[in-house]
Amino acid sequence: MKKVIVHNLKTIPKDAAIYWNNNGSGFTKQLEIRKAITAFCEQPGIKKVWLSRKRKSTTAALKEFKHLYAPKNFYSMFEEFDDVFEMFYMEKSV
């Protein structure tokens, strides 16, 4: 199964947003990406919320998330066919 990374973080390269298992990056690049993800998720002030993609696209779920929570930064990684996924985000006021 492929894992999809969705984010707006400057510390993670844009090409990481494709498919985790298929983005063509070597082991060193994947370690770099994992460190950036771990560093973001362990910051104080990070909040978590579960989003549903049931009967809607990932894009629609992300638009809804952005509209409801107005995040400054966000990150999520999920399996390609999951109906729900966990979003890690930081509010704009933090």
PDB file of N, CA and C in Angstrom:
ATOM      1  N   MET A   1       0.830  -1.194   0.000  1.00  0.00           N
ATOM      2  CA  MET A   1       0.000   0.000   0.000  1.00  0.00           C
ATOM      3  C   MET A   1       0.869   1.250   0.000  1.00  0.00           C
ATOM      4  N   LYS A   2       0.432   2.227  -0.701  1.00  0.00           N
ATOM      5  CA  LYS A   2       1.142   3.500  -0.742  1.00  0.00           C
ATOM      6  C   LYS A   2       0.631   4.393   0.379  1.00  0.00           C
ATOM      7  N   LYS A   3       1.510   5.240   0.880  1.00  0.00           N
ATOM      8  CA  LYS A   3       1.097   6.235   1.857  1.00  0.00           C
ATOM      9  C   LYS A   3       1.191   7.598   1.200  1.00  0.00           C
ATOM     10  N   VAL A   4       0.202   8.412   1.407  1.00  0.00           N
ATOM     11  CA  VAL A   4       0.156   9.740   0.822  1.00  0.00           C
ATOM     12  C   VAL A   4       0.480  10.747   1.910  1.00  0.00           C
ATOM     13  N   ILE A   5       1.321  11.711   1.601  1.00  0.00           N
ATOM     14  CA  ILE A   5       1.665  12.760   2.546  1.00  0.00           C
ATOM     15  C   ILE A   5       1.010  14.050   2.070  1.00  0.00           C
ATOM     16  N   VAL A   6       0.286  14.690   2.964  1.00  0.00           N
ATOM     17  CA  VAL A   6      -0.343  15.972   2.663  1.00  0.00           C
ATOM     18  C   VAL A   6       0.165  16.966   3.689  1.00  0.00           C
ATOM     19  N   HIS A   7       0.697  18.104   3.243  1.00  0.00           N
ATOM     20  CA  HIS A   7       1.262  19.064   4.183  1.00  0.00           C
ATOM     21  C   HIS A   7       1.416  20.430   3.541  1.00  0.00           C
ATOM     22  N   ASN A   8       1.700  21.413   4.369  1.00  0.00           N
ATOM     23  CA  ASN A   8       2.100  22.728   3.859  1.00  0.00           C
ATOM     24  C   ASN A   8       3.343  23.209   4.614  1.00  0.00           C
ATOM     25  N   LEU A   9       4.158  22.282   5.042  1.00  0.00           N
ATOM     26  CA  LEU A   9       5.347  22.598   5.827  1.00  0.00           C
ATOM     27  C   LEU A   9       6.519  22.935   4.924  1.00  0.00           C
ATOM     28  N   LYS A  10       7.279  23.946   5.295  1.00  0.00           N
ATOM     29  CA  LYS A  10       8.450  24.330   4.506  1.00  0.00           C
ATOM     30  C   LYS A  10       9.632  23.410   4.769  1.00  0.00           C
ATOM     31  N   THR A  11       9.616  22.684   5.904  1.00  0.00           N
ATOM     32  CA  THR A  11      10.740  21.812   6.248  1.00  0.00           C
ATOM     33  C   THR A  11      10.707  20.487   5.492  1.00  0.00           C
ATOM     34  N   ILE A  12       9.572  20.138   4.900  1.00  0.00           N
ATOM     35  CA  ILE A  12       9.453  18.896   4.136  1.00  0.00           C
ATOM     36  C   ILE A  12       9.405  19.257   2.656  1.00  0.00           C
ATOM     37  N   PRO A  13      10.244  18.635   1.828  1.00  0.00           N
ATOM     38  CA  PRO A  13      10.259  18.969   0.402  1.00  0.00           C
ATOM     39  C   PRO A  13       8.911  18.717  -0.274  1.00  0.00           C
ATOM     40  N   LYS A  14       8.590  19.518  -1.276  1.00  0.00           N
ATOM     41  CA  LYS A  14       7.318  19.386  -2.003  1.00  0.00           C
ATOM     42  C   LYS A  14       7.185  18.015  -2.667  1.00  0.00           C
ATOM     43  N   ASP A  15       8.289  17.433  -3.131  1.00  0.00           N
ATOM     44  CA  ASP A  15       8.200  16.132  -3.796  1.00  0.00           C
ATOM     45  C   ASP A  15       7.827  15.019  -2.828  1.00  0.00           C
ATOM     46  N   ALA A  16       7.901  15.256  -1.530  1.00  0.00           N
ATOM     47  CA  ALA A  16       7.477  14.263  -0.541  1.00  0.00           C
ATOM     48  C   ALA A  16       5.968  14.144  -0.504  1.00  0.00           C
ATOM     49  N   ALA A  17       5.263  15.127  -1.051  1.00  0.00           N
ATOM     50  CA  ALA A  17       3.808  15.126  -1.014  1.00  0.00           C
ATOM     51  C   ALA A  17       3.206  14.136  -1.999  1.00  0.00           C
ATOM     52  N   ILE A  18       4.027  13.525  -2.821  1.00  0.00           N
ATOM     53  CA  ILE A  18       3.512  12.521  -3.757  1.00  0.00           C
ATOM     54  C   ILE A  18       3.269  11.243  -2.945  1.00  0.00           C
ATOM     55  N   TYR A  19       3.789  10.159  -3.324  1.00  0.00           N
ATOM     56  CA  TYR A  19       3.584   8.914  -2.608  1.00  0.00           C
ATOM     57  C   TYR A  19       4.844   8.532  -1.859  1.00  0.00           C
ATOM     58  N   TRP A  20       4.691   8.206  -0.599  1.00  0.00           N
ATOM     59  CA  TRP A  20       5.822   7.891   0.273  1.00  0.00           C
ATOM     60  C   TRP A  20       6.656   6.748  -0.285  1.00  0.00           C
ATOM     61  N   ASN A  21       6.047   5.689  -0.754  1.00  0.00           N
ATOM     62  CA  ASN A  21       6.783   4.524  -1.232  1.00  0.00           C
ATOM     63  C   ASN A  21       7.256   4.668  -2.676  1.00  0.00           C
ATOM     64  N   ASN A  22       6.787   5.675  -3.375  1.00  0.00           N
ATOM     65  CA  ASN A  22       7.062   5.779  -4.805  1.00  0.00           C
ATOM     66  C   ASN A  22       7.624   7.123  -5.228  1.00  0.00           C
ATOM     67  N   ASN A  23       8.146   7.911  -4.314  1.00  0.00           N
ATOM     68  CA  ASN A  23       8.570   9.250  -4.720  1.00  0.00           C
ATOM     69  C   ASN A  23       9.988   9.290  -5.276  1.00  0.00           C
ATOM     70  N   GLY A  24      10.632   8.146  -5.386  1.00  0.00           N
ATOM     71  CA  GLY A  24      11.925   8.093  -6.033  1.00  0.00           C
ATOM     72  C   GLY A  24      13.081   8.575  -5.175  1.00  0.00           C
ATOM     73  N   SER A  25      12.803   8.936  -3.921  1.00  0.00           N
ATOM     74  CA  SER A  25      13.886   9.409  -3.069  1.00  0.00           C
ATOM     75  C   SER A  25      14.587   8.233  -2.405  1.00  0.00           C
ATOM     76  N   GLY A  26      15.860   8.412  -2.177  1.00  0.00           N
ATOM     77  CA  GLY A  26      16.639   7.365  -1.542  1.00  0.00           C
ATOM     78  C   GLY A  26      16.417   7.321  -0.040  1.00  0.00           C
ATOM     79  N   PHE A  27      17.089   6.401   0.605  1.00  0.00           N
ATOM     80  CA  PHE A  27      16.927   6.193   2.040  1.00  0.00           C
ATOM     81  C   PHE A  27      17.323   7.436   2.834  1.00  0.00           C
ATOM     82  N   THR A  28      18.387   8.101   2.436  1.00  0.00           N
ATOM     83  CA  THR A  28      18.849   9.307   3.139  1.00  0.00           C
ATOM     84  C   THR A  28      17.784  10.395   3.095  1.00  0.00           C
ATOM     85  N   LYS A  29      17.169  10.589   1.941  1.00  0.00           N
ATOM     86  CA  LYS A  29      16.111  11.593   1.784  1.00  0.00           C
ATOM     87  C   LYS A  29      14.890  11.230   2.628  1.00  0.00           C
ATOM     88  N   GLN A  30      14.547   9.934   2.671  1.00  0.00           N
ATOM     89  CA  GLN A  30      13.404   9.503   3.485  1.00  0.00           C
ATOM     90  C   GLN A  30      13.669   9.733   4.968  1.00  0.00           C
ATOM     91  N   LEU A  31      14.907   9.515   5.432  1.00  0.00           N
ATOM     92  CA  LEU A  31      15.248   9.793   6.826  1.00  0.00           C
ATOM     93  C   LEU A  31      15.102  11.282   7.138  1.00  0.00           C
ATOM     94  N   GLU A  32      15.537  12.103   6.223  1.00  0.00           N
ATOM     95  CA  GLU A  32      15.427  13.554   6.362  1.00  0.00           C
ATOM     96  C   GLU A  32      13.953  13.972   6.482  1.00  0.00           C
ATOM     97  N   ILE A  33      13.113  13.398   5.638  1.00  0.00           N
ATOM     98  CA  ILE A  33      11.680  13.687   5.661  1.00  0.00           C
ATOM     99  C   ILE A  33      11.061  13.214   6.973  1.00  0.00           C
ATOM    100  N   ARG A  34      11.417  11.997   7.419  1.00  0.00           N
ATOM    101  CA  ARG A  34      10.884  11.474   8.687  1.00  0.00           C
ATOM    102  C   ARG A  34      11.284  12.345   9.873  1.00  0.00           C
ATOM    103  N   LYS A  35      12.516  12.836   9.887  1.00  0.00           N
ATOM    104  CA  LYS A  35      12.975  13.710  10.980  1.00  0.00           C
ATOM    105  C   LYS A  35      12.175  15.004  11.007  1.00  0.00           C
ATOM    106  N   ALA A  36      11.925  15.581   9.840  1.00  0.00           N
ATOM    107  CA  ALA A  36      11.145  16.817   9.759  1.00  0.00           C
ATOM    108  C   ALA A  36       9.712  16.589  10.238  1.00  0.00           C
ATOM    109  N   ILE A  37       9.126  15.456   9.876  1.00  0.00           N
ATOM    110  CA  ILE A  37       7.767  15.119  10.302  1.00  0.00           C
ATOM    111  C   ILE A  37       7.718  14.938  11.820  1.00  0.00           C
ATOM    112  N   THR A  38       8.662  14.177  12.362  1.00  0.00           N
ATOM    113  CA  THR A  38       8.719  13.948  13.809  1.00  0.00           C
ATOM    114  C   THR A  38       8.916  15.250  14.564  1.00  0.00           C
ATOM    115  N   ALA A  39       9.801  16.103  14.079  1.00  0.00           N
ATOM    116  CA  ALA A  39      10.057  17.388  14.735  1.00  0.00           C
ATOM    117  C   ALA A  39       8.790  18.244  14.752  1.00  0.00           C
ATOM    118  N   PHE A  40       8.033  18.231  13.661  1.00  0.00           N
ATOM    119  CA  PHE A  40       6.795  19.010  13.613  1.00  0.00           C
ATOM    120  C   PHE A  40       5.752  18.456  14.580  1.00  0.00           C
ATOM    121  N   CYS A  41       5.553  17.138  14.565  1.00  0.00           N
ATOM    122  CA  CYS A  41       4.501  16.516  15.381  1.00  0.00           C
ATOM    123  C   CYS A  41       4.794  16.572  16.875  1.00  0.00           C
ATOM    124  N   GLU A  42       6.041  16.754  17.273  1.00  0.00           N
ATOM    125  CA  GLU A  42       6.388  16.789  18.694  1.00  0.00           C
ATOM    126  C   GLU A  42       6.502  18.199  19.261  1.00  0.00           C
ATOM    127  N   GLN A  43       6.229  19.220  18.472  1.00  0.00           N
ATOM    128  CA  GLN A  43       6.271  20.602  18.955  1.00  0.00           C
ATOM    129  C   GLN A  43       5.140  20.850  19.959  1.00  0.00           C
ATOM    130  N   PRO A  44       5.377  21.747  20.921  1.00  0.00           N
ATOM    131  CA  PRO A  44       4.264  22.121  21.796  1.00  0.00           C
ATOM    132  C   PRO A  44       3.257  22.955  21.005  1.00  0.00           C
ATOM    133  N   GLY A  45       2.005  22.811  21.321  1.00  0.00           N
ATOM    134  CA  GLY A  45       0.969  23.565  20.617  1.00  0.00           C
ATOM    135  C   GLY A  45       0.403  22.855  19.404  1.00  0.00           C
ATOM    136  N   ILE A  46       0.883  21.654  19.103  1.00  0.00           N
ATOM    137  CA  ILE A  46       0.351  20.885  17.972  1.00  0.00           C
ATOM    138  C   ILE A  46      -0.975  20.249  18.391  1.00  0.00           C
ATOM    139  N   LYS A  47      -1.965  20.373  17.537  1.00  0.00           N
ATOM    140  CA  LYS A  47      -3.277  19.775  17.789  1.00  0.00           C
ATOM    141  C   LYS A  47      -3.520  18.688  16.762  1.00  0.00           C
ATOM    142  N   LYS A  48      -4.421  17.759  17.111  1.00  0.00           N
ATOM    143  CA  LYS A  48      -4.754  16.656  16.215  1.00  0.00           C
ATOM    144  C   LYS A  48      -6.259  16.616  16.010  1.00  0.00           C
ATOM    145  N   VAL A  49      -6.653  16.256  14.808  1.00  0.00           N
ATOM    146  CA  VAL A  49      -8.070  16.084  14.501  1.00  0.00           C
ATOM    147  C   VAL A  49      -8.183  14.977  13.445  1.00  0.00           C
ATOM    148  N   TRP A  50      -9.257  14.199  13.523  1.00  0.00           N
ATOM    149  CA  TRP A  50      -9.509  13.151  12.533  1.00  0.00           C
ATOM    150  C   TRP A  50     -10.438  13.706  11.463  1.00  0.00           C
ATOM    151  N   LEU A  51     -10.103  13.487  10.202  1.00  0.00           N
ATOM    152  CA  LEU A  51     -10.924  13.918   9.072  1.00  0.00           C
ATOM    153  C   LEU A  51     -11.498  12.705   8.358  1.00  0.00           C
ATOM    154  N   SER A  52     -12.677  12.880   7.809  1.00  0.00           N
ATOM    155  CA  SER A  52     -13.312  11.812   7.050  1.00  0.00           C
ATOM    156  C   SER A  52     -13.265  12.130   5.560  1.00  0.00           C
ATOM    157  N   ARG A  53     -12.939  11.099   4.777  1.00  0.00           N
ATOM    158  CA  ARG A  53     -12.976  11.223   3.311  1.00  0.00           C
ATOM    159  C   ARG A  53     -14.099  10.366   2.755  1.00  0.00           C
ATOM    160  N   LYS A  54     -14.982   9.928   3.601  1.00  0.00           N
ATOM    161  CA  LYS A  54     -16.046   9.041   3.153  1.00  0.00           C
ATOM    162  C   LYS A  54     -16.992   9.800   2.220  1.00  0.00           C
ATOM    163  N   ARG A  55     -17.186   9.278   1.035  1.00  0.00           N
ATOM    164  CA  ARG A  55     -18.045   9.853  -0.004  1.00  0.00           C
ATOM    165  C   ARG A  55     -17.628  11.255  -0.444  1.00  0.00           C
ATOM    166  N   LYS A  56     -16.330  11.602  -0.279  1.00  0.00           N
ATOM    167  CA  LYS A  56     -15.804  12.862  -0.817  1.00  0.00           C
ATOM    168  C   LYS A  56     -14.321  12.694  -1.097  1.00  0.00           C
ATOM    169  N   SER A  57     -13.791  13.595  -1.870  1.00  0.00           N
ATOM    170  CA  SER A  57     -12.378  13.501  -2.240  1.00  0.00           C
ATOM    171  C   SER A  57     -11.491  14.030  -1.117  1.00  0.00           C
ATOM    172  N   THR A  58     -10.207  13.715  -1.219  1.00  0.00           N
ATOM    173  CA  THR A  58      -9.227  14.226  -0.258  1.00  0.00           C
ATOM    174  C   THR A  58      -9.176  15.745  -0.336  1.00  0.00           C
ATOM    175  N   THR A  59      -9.249  16.289  -1.535  1.00  0.00           N
ATOM    176  CA  THR A  59      -9.221  17.734  -1.726  1.00  0.00           C
ATOM    177  C   THR A  59     -10.391  18.405  -1.017  1.00  0.00           C
ATOM    178  N   ALA A  60     -11.581  17.825  -1.142  1.00  0.00           N
ATOM    179  CA  ALA A  60     -12.759  18.388  -0.473  1.00  0.00           C
ATOM    180  C   ALA A  60     -12.606  18.323   1.044  1.00  0.00           C
ATOM    181  N   ALA A  61     -12.073  17.215   1.555  1.00  0.00           N
ATOM    182  CA  ALA A  61     -11.849  17.073   2.997  1.00  0.00           C
ATOM    183  C   ALA A  61     -10.833  18.098   3.500  1.00  0.00           C
ATOM    184  N   LEU A  62      -9.766  18.335   2.724  1.00  0.00           N
ATOM    185  CA  LEU A  62      -8.756  19.324   3.103  1.00  0.00           C
ATOM    186  C   LEU A  62      -9.311  20.750   3.066  1.00  0.00           C
ATOM    187  N   LYS A  63     -10.129  21.067   2.065  1.00  0.00           N
ATOM    188  CA  LYS A  63     -10.751  22.394   2.005  1.00  0.00           C
ATOM    189  C   LYS A  63     -11.634  22.618   3.225  1.00  0.00           C
ATOM    190  N   GLU A  64     -12.406  21.597   3.588  1.00  0.00           N
ATOM    191  CA  GLU A  64     -13.273  21.685   4.759  1.00  0.00           C
ATOM    192  C   GLU A  64     -12.437  21.876   6.029  1.00  0.00           C
ATOM    193  N   PHE A  65     -11.354  21.121   6.140  1.00  0.00           N
ATOM    194  CA  PHE A  65     -10.444  21.238   7.286  1.00  0.00           C
ATOM    195  C   PHE A  65      -9.868  22.647   7.380  1.00  0.00           C
ATOM    196  N   LYS A  66      -9.384  23.184   6.269  1.00  0.00           N
ATOM    197  CA  LYS A  66      -8.800  24.525   6.255  1.00  0.00           C
ATOM    198  C   LYS A  66      -9.836  25.588   6.616  1.00  0.00           C
ATOM    199  N   HIS A  67     -11.056  25.409   6.143  1.00  0.00           N
ATOM    200  CA  HIS A  67     -12.120  26.365   6.440  1.00  0.00           C
ATOM    201  C   HIS A  67     -12.505  26.330   7.919  1.00  0.00           C
ATOM    202  N   LEU A  68     -12.611  25.146   8.506  1.00  0.00           N
ATOM    203  CA  LEU A  68     -13.049  25.010   9.903  1.00  0.00           C
ATOM    204  C   LEU A  68     -11.966  25.369  10.912  1.00  0.00           C
ATOM    205  N   TYR A  69     -10.709  24.973  10.648  1.00  0.00           N
ATOM    206  CA  TYR A  69      -9.656  25.117  11.647  1.00  0.00           C
ATOM    207  C   TYR A  69      -8.664  26.243  11.360  1.00  0.00           C
ATOM    208  N   ALA A  70      -8.626  26.759  10.155  1.00  0.00           N
ATOM    209  CA  ALA A  70      -7.699  27.825   9.745  1.00  0.00           C
ATOM    210  C   ALA A  70      -6.280  27.566  10.270  1.00  0.00           C
ATOM    211  N   PRO A  71      -5.644  26.463   9.846  1.00  0.00           N
ATOM    212  CA  PRO A  71      -4.325  26.121  10.380  1.00  0.00           C
ATOM    213  C   PRO A  71      -3.209  26.981   9.787  1.00  0.00           C
ATOM    214  N   LYS A  72      -2.201  27.218  10.599  1.00  0.00           N
ATOM    215  CA  LYS A  72      -0.981  27.891  10.110  1.00  0.00           C
ATOM    216  C   LYS A  72      -0.141  26.870   9.348  1.00  0.00           C
ATOM    217  N   ASN A  73       0.082  25.715   9.969  1.00  0.00           N
ATOM    218  CA  ASN A  73       0.800  24.590   9.359  1.00  0.00           C
ATOM    219  C   ASN A  73       0.010  23.321   9.604  1.00  0.00           C
ATOM    220  N   PHE A  74       0.090  22.379   8.676  1.00  0.00           N
ATOM    221  CA  PHE A  74      -0.581  21.091   8.880  1.00  0.00           C
ATOM    222  C   PHE A  74       0.184  19.975   8.200  1.00  0.00           C
ATOM    223  N   TYR A  75      -0.104  18.757   8.657  1.00  0.00           N
ATOM    224  CA  TYR A  75       0.570  17.578   8.130  1.00  0.00           C
ATOM    225  C   TYR A  75      -0.312  16.358   8.352  1.00  0.00           C
ATOM    226  N   SER A  76      -0.338  15.466   7.416  1.00  0.00           N
ATOM    227  CA  SER A  76      -1.010  14.183   7.570  1.00  0.00           C
ATOM    228  C   SER A  76      -0.389  13.171   6.618  1.00  0.00           C
ATOM    229  N   MET A  77      -0.383  11.919   7.016  1.00  0.00           N
ATOM    230  CA  MET A  77       0.067  10.839   6.151  1.00  0.00           C
ATOM    231  C   MET A  77      -0.938   9.705   6.312  1.00  0.00           C
ATOM    232  N   PHE A  78      -1.449   9.185   5.212  1.00  0.00           N
ATOM    233  CA  PHE A  78      -2.489   8.159   5.297  1.00  0.00           C
ATOM    234  C   PHE A  78      -2.362   7.173   4.150  1.00  0.00           C
ATOM    235  N   GLU A  79      -2.962   6.011   4.355  1.00  0.00           N
ATOM    236  CA  GLU A  79      -2.991   4.998   3.304  1.00  0.00           C
ATOM    237  C   GLU A  79      -3.918   5.475   2.191  1.00  0.00           C
ATOM    238  N   GLU A  80      -3.663   5.018   0.995  1.00  0.00           N
ATOM    239  CA  GLU A  80      -4.376   5.481  -0.190  1.00  0.00           C
ATOM    240  C   GLU A  80      -5.892   5.265  -0.108  1.00  0.00           C
ATOM    241  N   PHE A  81      -6.335   4.192   0.525  1.00  0.00           N
ATOM    242  CA  PHE A  81      -7.763   3.868   0.521  1.00  0.00           C
ATOM    243  C   PHE A  81      -8.424   4.026   1.891  1.00  0.00           C
ATOM    244  N   ASP A  82      -7.789   4.735   2.820  1.00  0.00           N
ATOM    245  CA  ASP A  82      -8.395   4.988   4.128  1.00  0.00           C
ATOM    246  C   ASP A  82      -9.544   5.984   3.994  1.00  0.00           C
ATOM    247  N   ASP A  83     -10.590   5.777   4.808  1.00  0.00           N
ATOM    248  CA  ASP A  83     -11.712   6.714   4.825  1.00  0.00           C
ATOM    249  C   ASP A  83     -11.485   7.867   5.787  1.00  0.00           C
ATOM    250  N   VAL A  84     -10.710   7.625   6.827  1.00  0.00           N
ATOM    251  CA  VAL A  84     -10.416   8.680   7.794  1.00  0.00           C
ATOM    252  C   VAL A  84      -8.904   8.818   7.934  1.00  0.00           C
ATOM    253  N   PHE A  85      -8.462  10.018   8.278  1.00  0.00           N
ATOM    254  CA  PHE A  85      -7.044  10.221   8.520  1.00  0.00           C
ATOM    255  C   PHE A  85      -6.859  11.307   9.564  1.00  0.00           C
ATOM    256  N   GLU A  86      -5.720  11.254  10.230  1.00  0.00           N
ATOM    257  CA  GLU A  86      -5.413  12.168  11.318  1.00  0.00           C
ATOM    258  C   GLU A  86      -4.582  13.333  10.794  1.00  0.00           C
ATOM    259  N   MET A  87      -5.005  14.537  11.126  1.00  0.00           N
ATOM    260  CA  MET A  87      -4.285  15.746  10.736  1.00  0.00           C
ATOM    261  C   MET A  87      -3.604  16.320  11.975  1.00  0.00           C
ATOM    262  N   PHE A  88      -2.353  16.665  11.845  1.00  0.00           N
ATOM    263  CA  PHE A  88      -1.601  17.379  12.876  1.00  0.00           C
ATOM    264  C   PHE A  88      -1.509  18.826  12.393  1.00  0.00           C
ATOM    265  N   TYR A  89      -1.850  19.770  13.241  1.00  0.00           N
ATOM    266  CA  TYR A  89      -1.835  21.161  12.781  1.00  0.00           C
ATOM    267  C   TYR A  89      -1.493  22.122  13.908  1.00  0.00           C
ATOM    268  N   MET A  90      -1.083  23.312  13.518  1.00  0.00           N
ATOM    269  CA  MET A  90      -0.784  24.390  14.442  1.00  0.00           C
ATOM    270  C   MET A  90      -1.692  25.556  14.071  1.00  0.00           C
ATOM    271  N   GLU A  91      -2.342  26.128  15.076  1.00  0.00           N
ATOM    272  CA  GLU A  91      -3.244  27.253  14.819  1.00  0.00           C
ATOM    273  C   GLU A  91      -2.443  28.501  14.480  1.00  0.00           C
ATOM    274  N   LYS A  92      -3.060  29.420  13.761  1.00  0.00           N
ATOM    275  CA  LYS A  92      -2.388  30.645  13.341  1.00  0.00           C
ATOM    276  C   LYS A  92      -1.988  31.518  14.520  1.00  0.00           C
ATOM    277  N   SER A  93      -2.750  31.480  15.615  1.00  0.00           N
ATOM    278  CA  SER A  93      -2.475  32.341  16.757  1.00  0.00           C
ATOM    279  C   SER A  93      -1.271  31.891  17.582  1.00  0.00           C
ATOM    280  N   VAL A  94      -0.808  30.621  17.371  1.00  0.00           N
ATOM    281  CA  VAL A  94       0.322  30.090  18.154  1.00  0.00           C
ATOM    282  C   VAL A  94       1.625  30.584  17.591  1.00  0.00           C
TER     283      VAL A  94
END
